[in-house]
Amino acid sequence: MKLSFEIPYYAVIFTSLRKMDAHDYNQIAERMEQLSRNQSGFLGIQSVREDKGLGITVSYWKNIEDVLNWKMNVEHREAQSKGKSDWYKGYEVRICKVEREYDFGSLDI
């Protein structure tokens, strides 16, 4: 799936290690994706997770203000809290300004 946006834009990289008994995780993750799509400045999202629980989700935003507004969204903050208490062994967040991009071939599976 090719994603391309007007430069510059921001990428929020969320790398996590999920607990294997993360009840209701998928339901809330789907809700967060749906909610983010309706958030001002949202551009797109890509996500992968391997069988042992390691996952990487990258969300793309028009500007840093949009990233900060998403972080402060009340429902998102509730999910963050539940993530710390119930779903994740650990996670890392990186916020990057994308100033250049290029590609080769197709990522369509």
N, C-alpha and C. Protein backbone atom coordinates (compact mmCIF):
# COMPACT_ATOMS: atom_id res chain seq x y z
N MET A 1 0.84 -1.17 0.00
CA MET A 1 0.00 0.00 0.00
C MET A 1 0.89 1.24 0.00
N LYS A 2 0.84 2.01 -1.06
CA LYS A 2 1.66 3.21 -1.18
C LYS A 2 0.96 4.38 -0.52
N LEU A 3 1.68 5.02 0.40
CA LEU A 3 1.19 6.24 1.01
C LEU A 3 2.17 7.35 0.65
N SER A 4 1.66 8.46 0.20
CA SER A 4 2.51 9.59 -0.14
C SER A 4 1.77 10.87 0.22
N PHE A 5 2.46 11.77 0.89
CA PHE A 5 1.84 12.99 1.39
C PHE A 5 2.70 14.20 1.04
N GLU A 6 2.08 15.36 1.10
CA GLU A 6 2.81 16.59 0.84
C GLU A 6 3.87 16.80 1.93
N ILE A 7 5.09 17.03 1.50
CA ILE A 7 6.23 17.22 2.39
C ILE A 7 6.25 18.68 2.86
N PRO A 8 6.60 18.97 4.09
CA PRO A 8 6.89 18.03 5.17
C PRO A 8 5.60 17.57 5.85
N TYR A 9 5.71 16.45 6.53
CA TYR A 9 4.63 15.93 7.36
C TYR A 9 5.29 15.20 8.53
N TYR A 10 4.50 14.70 9.45
CA TYR A 10 5.03 14.03 10.63
C TYR A 10 4.63 12.57 10.67
N ALA A 11 5.53 11.75 11.17
CA ALA A 11 5.28 10.32 11.38
C ALA A 11 5.44 10.03 12.86
N VAL A 12 4.45 9.38 13.44
CA VAL A 12 4.52 8.92 14.82
C VAL A 12 4.72 7.41 14.76
N ILE A 13 5.87 6.96 15.24
CA ILE A 13 6.23 5.54 15.18
C ILE A 13 6.03 4.95 16.56
N PHE A 14 5.09 4.02 16.66
CA PHE A 14 4.75 3.38 17.93
C PHE A 14 5.19 1.91 17.84
N THR A 15 6.24 1.57 18.57
CA THR A 15 6.76 0.21 18.60
C THR A 15 6.37 -0.38 19.95
N SER A 16 5.76 -1.55 19.94
CA SER A 16 5.26 -2.12 21.20
C SER A 16 5.48 -3.62 21.27
N LEU A 17 5.55 -4.10 22.50
CA LEU A 17 5.57 -5.53 22.76
C LEU A 17 4.33 -5.84 23.59
N ARG A 18 3.38 -6.50 22.95
CA ARG A 18 2.09 -6.76 23.57
C ARG A 18 2.16 -8.02 24.43
N LYS A 19 1.46 -7.98 25.54
CA LYS A 19 1.28 -9.17 26.37
C LYS A 19 0.40 -10.16 25.61
N MET A 20 0.63 -11.43 25.80
CA MET A 20 -0.11 -12.44 25.04
C MET A 20 -1.57 -12.57 25.51
N ASP A 21 -1.87 -12.11 26.71
CA ASP A 21 -3.24 -12.19 27.24
C ASP A 21 -3.92 -10.82 27.23
N ALA A 22 -3.68 -10.04 26.20
CA ALA A 22 -4.22 -8.67 26.10
C ALA A 22 -5.69 -8.71 25.67
N HIS A 23 -6.57 -8.93 26.66
CA HIS A 23 -8.01 -9.00 26.38
C HIS A 23 -8.50 -7.67 25.83
N ASP A 24 -9.43 -7.68 24.95
CA ASP A 24 -10.09 -6.55 24.30
C ASP A 24 -9.15 -5.60 23.56
N TYR A 25 -7.90 -6.01 23.36
CA TYR A 25 -6.93 -5.17 22.66
C TYR A 25 -7.38 -4.86 21.23
N ASN A 26 -7.73 -5.88 20.47
CA ASN A 26 -8.08 -5.68 19.06
C ASN A 26 -9.26 -4.74 18.89
N GLN A 27 -10.25 -4.87 19.75
CA GLN A 27 -11.43 -4.00 19.69
C GLN A 27 -11.04 -2.54 19.91
N ILE A 28 -10.22 -2.28 20.91
CA ILE A 28 -9.81 -0.91 21.21
C ILE A 28 -8.85 -0.39 20.14
N ALA A 29 -7.97 -1.24 19.63
CA ALA A 29 -7.05 -0.82 18.57
C ALA A 29 -7.83 -0.39 17.32
N GLU A 30 -8.86 -1.14 16.98
CA GLU A 30 -9.70 -0.77 15.84
C GLU A 30 -10.41 0.56 16.09
N ARG A 31 -10.87 0.75 17.31
CA ARG A 31 -11.53 2.01 17.68
C ARG A 31 -10.55 3.18 17.59
N MET A 32 -9.32 2.99 18.03
CA MET A 32 -8.33 4.07 17.96
C MET A 32 -8.01 4.42 16.51
N GLU A 33 -7.92 3.42 15.65
CA GLU A 33 -7.68 3.71 14.23
C GLU A 33 -8.84 4.49 13.64
N GLN A 34 -10.05 4.07 13.94
CA GLN A 34 -11.24 4.78 13.45
C GLN A 34 -11.27 6.21 14.00
N LEU A 35 -10.99 6.38 15.26
CA LEU A 35 -11.00 7.70 15.89
C LEU A 35 -9.91 8.59 15.29
N SER A 36 -8.72 8.05 15.07
CA SER A 36 -7.63 8.85 14.51
C SER A 36 -7.97 9.32 13.10
N ARG A 37 -8.65 8.48 12.33
CA ARG A 37 -9.02 8.86 10.96
C ARG A 37 -9.94 10.08 10.94
N ASN A 38 -10.67 10.32 12.01
CA ASN A 38 -11.56 11.47 12.10
C ASN A 38 -10.90 12.68 12.77
N GLN A 39 -9.65 12.52 13.18
CA GLN A 39 -8.92 13.59 13.86
C GLN A 39 -8.35 14.56 12.82
N SER A 40 -8.39 15.84 13.12
CA SER A 40 -7.84 16.86 12.23
C SER A 40 -6.36 16.58 11.94
N GLY A 41 -5.99 16.66 10.67
CA GLY A 41 -4.60 16.50 10.27
C GLY A 41 -4.14 15.08 10.04
N PHE A 42 -5.00 14.09 10.27
CA PHE A 42 -4.63 12.70 10.05
C PHE A 42 -4.45 12.45 8.55
N LEU A 43 -3.34 11.79 8.20
CA LEU A 43 -3.06 11.49 6.80
C LEU A 43 -3.16 10.01 6.46
N GLY A 44 -2.75 9.13 7.38
CA GLY A 44 -2.77 7.69 7.09
C GLY A 44 -2.12 6.91 8.20
N ILE A 45 -2.15 5.58 8.03
CA ILE A 45 -1.59 4.70 9.07
C ILE A 45 -1.13 3.40 8.41
N GLN A 46 -0.05 2.83 8.95
CA GLN A 46 0.44 1.51 8.55
C GLN A 46 0.79 0.76 9.84
N SER A 47 0.48 -0.53 9.88
CA SER A 47 0.69 -1.28 11.10
C SER A 47 1.00 -2.75 10.79
N VAL A 48 1.94 -3.31 11.54
CA VAL A 48 2.26 -4.74 11.46
C VAL A 48 2.48 -5.28 12.86
N ARG A 49 2.20 -6.57 13.05
CA ARG A 49 2.45 -7.22 14.34
C ARG A 49 2.84 -8.66 14.07
N GLU A 50 3.89 -9.12 14.76
CA GLU A 50 4.32 -10.50 14.59
C GLU A 50 3.71 -11.37 15.67
N ASP A 51 3.80 -12.67 15.50
CA ASP A 51 3.13 -13.64 16.37
C ASP A 51 3.53 -13.53 17.84
N LYS A 52 4.74 -13.13 18.14
CA LYS A 52 5.20 -13.06 19.53
C LYS A 52 4.84 -11.74 20.20
N GLY A 53 4.11 -10.86 19.48
CA GLY A 53 3.59 -9.65 20.11
C GLY A 53 4.29 -8.36 19.74
N LEU A 54 5.43 -8.42 19.03
CA LEU A 54 6.11 -7.19 18.64
C LEU A 54 5.35 -6.54 17.50
N GLY A 55 5.05 -5.25 17.64
CA GLY A 55 4.31 -4.54 16.62
C GLY A 55 4.86 -3.16 16.37
N ILE A 56 4.65 -2.67 15.15
CA ILE A 56 5.02 -1.30 14.79
C ILE A 56 3.85 -0.68 14.06
N THR A 57 3.41 0.46 14.57
CA THR A 57 2.36 1.23 13.92
C THR A 57 2.91 2.62 13.65
N VAL A 58 2.75 3.08 12.42
CA VAL A 58 3.18 4.42 12.05
C VAL A 58 1.94 5.19 11.60
N SER A 59 1.67 6.29 12.29
CA SER A 59 0.59 7.17 11.85
C SER A 59 1.22 8.44 11.30
N TYR A 60 0.55 9.03 10.31
CA TYR A 60 1.08 10.18 9.59
C TYR A 60 0.15 11.37 9.79
N TRP A 61 0.78 12.54 10.01
CA TRP A 61 0.03 13.75 10.38
C TRP A 61 0.56 14.96 9.61
N LYS A 62 -0.32 15.92 9.35
CA LYS A 62 0.07 17.12 8.60
C LYS A 62 1.10 17.97 9.34
N ASN A 63 0.93 18.14 10.66
CA ASN A 63 1.86 18.99 11.41
C ASN A 63 1.95 18.54 12.86
N ILE A 64 2.88 19.13 13.58
CA ILE A 64 3.12 18.71 14.97
C ILE A 64 1.93 19.04 15.87
N GLU A 65 1.20 20.10 15.58
CA GLU A 65 0.02 20.44 16.38
C GLU A 65 -1.03 19.34 16.29
N ASP A 66 -1.19 18.76 15.10
CA ASP A 66 -2.14 17.66 14.94
C ASP A 66 -1.70 16.43 15.74
N VAL A 67 -0.40 16.17 15.77
CA VAL A 67 0.14 15.06 16.57
C VAL A 67 -0.18 15.28 18.04
N LEU A 68 0.08 16.48 18.53
CA LEU A 68 -0.15 16.79 19.95
C LEU A 68 -1.64 16.75 20.29
N ASN A 69 -2.49 17.21 19.38
CA ASN A 69 -3.94 17.13 19.62
C ASN A 69 -4.41 15.68 19.70
N TRP A 70 -3.86 14.80 18.87
CA TRP A 70 -4.21 13.38 18.92
C TRP A 70 -3.78 12.79 20.25
N LYS A 71 -2.59 13.14 20.70
CA LYS A 71 -2.10 12.62 21.99
C LYS A 71 -3.03 13.03 23.13
N MET A 72 -3.63 14.20 23.04
CA MET A 72 -4.48 14.71 24.12
C MET A 72 -5.95 14.29 23.99
N ASN A 73 -6.32 13.61 22.92
CA ASN A 73 -7.69 13.15 22.75
C ASN A 73 -8.09 12.28 23.94
N VAL A 74 -9.23 12.57 24.55
CA VAL A 74 -9.65 11.91 25.79
C VAL A 74 -9.74 10.39 25.62
N GLU A 75 -10.37 9.92 24.58
CA GLU A 75 -10.52 8.48 24.37
C GLU A 75 -9.16 7.82 24.11
N HIS A 76 -8.29 8.52 23.39
CA HIS A 76 -6.94 8.02 23.14
C HIS A 76 -6.16 7.94 24.45
N ARG A 77 -6.30 8.93 25.31
CA ARG A 77 -5.60 8.92 26.60
C ARG A 77 -6.07 7.74 27.47
N GLU A 78 -7.35 7.43 27.42
CA GLU A 78 -7.87 6.27 28.15
C GLU A 78 -7.25 4.98 27.63
N ALA A 79 -7.12 4.87 26.31
CA ALA A 79 -6.50 3.68 25.71
C ALA A 79 -5.02 3.61 26.08
N GLN A 80 -4.33 4.75 26.13
CA GLN A 80 -2.93 4.77 26.54
C GLN A 80 -2.78 4.22 27.96
N SER A 81 -3.66 4.65 28.84
CA SER A 81 -3.62 4.18 30.23
C SER A 81 -3.87 2.67 30.31
N LYS A 82 -4.84 2.19 29.55
CA LYS A 82 -5.14 0.76 29.53
C LYS A 82 -3.97 -0.02 28.93
N GLY A 83 -3.30 0.57 27.95
CA GLY A 83 -2.13 -0.07 27.36
C GLY A 83 -1.04 -0.30 28.40
N LYS A 84 -0.79 0.70 29.23
CA LYS A 84 0.23 0.58 30.27
C LYS A 84 -0.15 -0.46 31.32
N SER A 85 -1.43 -0.49 31.68
CA SER A 85 -1.84 -1.39 32.76
C SER A 85 -2.15 -2.81 32.29
N ASP A 86 -2.64 -2.98 31.04
CA ASP A 86 -3.17 -4.28 30.63
C ASP A 86 -2.52 -4.92 29.41
N TRP A 87 -2.09 -4.13 28.42
CA TRP A 87 -1.77 -4.71 27.13
C TRP A 87 -0.29 -4.85 26.80
N TYR A 88 0.53 -3.92 27.25
CA TYR A 88 1.91 -3.89 26.78
C TYR A 88 2.91 -4.26 27.86
N LYS A 89 3.93 -5.01 27.44
CA LYS A 89 5.11 -5.22 28.27
C LYS A 89 5.97 -3.98 28.22
N GLY A 90 5.94 -3.29 27.09
CA GLY A 90 6.68 -2.05 26.91
C GLY A 90 6.39 -1.46 25.55
N TYR A 91 6.73 -0.19 25.39
CA TYR A 91 6.57 0.46 24.09
C TYR A 91 7.52 1.65 23.97
N GLU A 92 7.71 2.09 22.74
CA GLU A 92 8.51 3.26 22.42
C GLU A 92 7.73 4.10 21.42
N VAL A 93 7.83 5.42 21.56
CA VAL A 93 7.18 6.33 20.63
C VAL A 93 8.25 7.27 20.07
N ARG A 94 8.25 7.42 18.78
CA ARG A 94 9.16 8.36 18.11
C ARG A 94 8.32 9.26 17.21
N ILE A 95 8.58 10.55 17.28
CA ILE A 95 7.88 11.52 16.44
C ILE A 95 8.91 12.14 15.51
N CYS A 96 8.67 12.01 14.22
CA CYS A 96 9.66 12.41 13.22
C CYS A 96 9.04 13.36 12.20
N LYS A 97 9.79 14.36 11.82
CA LYS A 97 9.39 15.24 10.72
C LYS A 97 9.96 14.65 9.43
N VAL A 98 9.09 14.35 8.50
CA VAL A 98 9.50 13.77 7.22
C VAL A 98 9.75 14.91 6.24
N GLU A 99 10.98 15.00 5.79
CA GLU A 99 11.35 16.07 4.87
C GLU A 99 11.67 15.56 3.47
N ARG A 100 11.81 14.25 3.36
CA ARG A 100 12.14 13.64 2.07
C ARG A 100 11.63 12.21 2.08
N GLU A 101 11.20 11.74 0.91
CA GLU A 101 10.77 10.35 0.79
C GLU A 101 11.03 9.88 -0.63
N TYR A 102 11.21 8.59 -0.78
CA TYR A 102 11.34 7.98 -2.09
C TYR A 102 10.95 6.53 -1.98
N ASP A 103 10.73 5.87 -3.11
CA ASP A 103 10.29 4.48 -3.05
C ASP A 103 10.76 3.72 -4.27
N PHE A 104 10.56 2.43 -4.21
CA PHE A 104 10.86 1.54 -5.33
C PHE A 104 9.79 0.45 -5.35
N GLY A 105 9.27 0.14 -6.47
CA GLY A 105 8.37 -0.99 -6.62
C GLY A 105 7.06 -0.80 -5.91
N SER A 106 6.49 -1.92 -5.53
CA SER A 106 5.16 -1.93 -4.93
C SER A 106 5.18 -2.65 -3.59
N LEU A 107 4.40 -2.16 -2.65
CA LEU A 107 4.25 -2.82 -1.35
C LEU A 107 2.93 -3.58 -1.27
N ASP A 108 2.21 -3.65 -2.36
CA ASP A 108 0.94 -4.38 -2.37
C ASP A 108 1.20 -5.87 -2.19
N ILE A 109 0.50 -6.47 -1.28
CA ILE A 109 0.68 -7.90 -0.98
C ILE A 109 -0.34 -8.69 -1.77
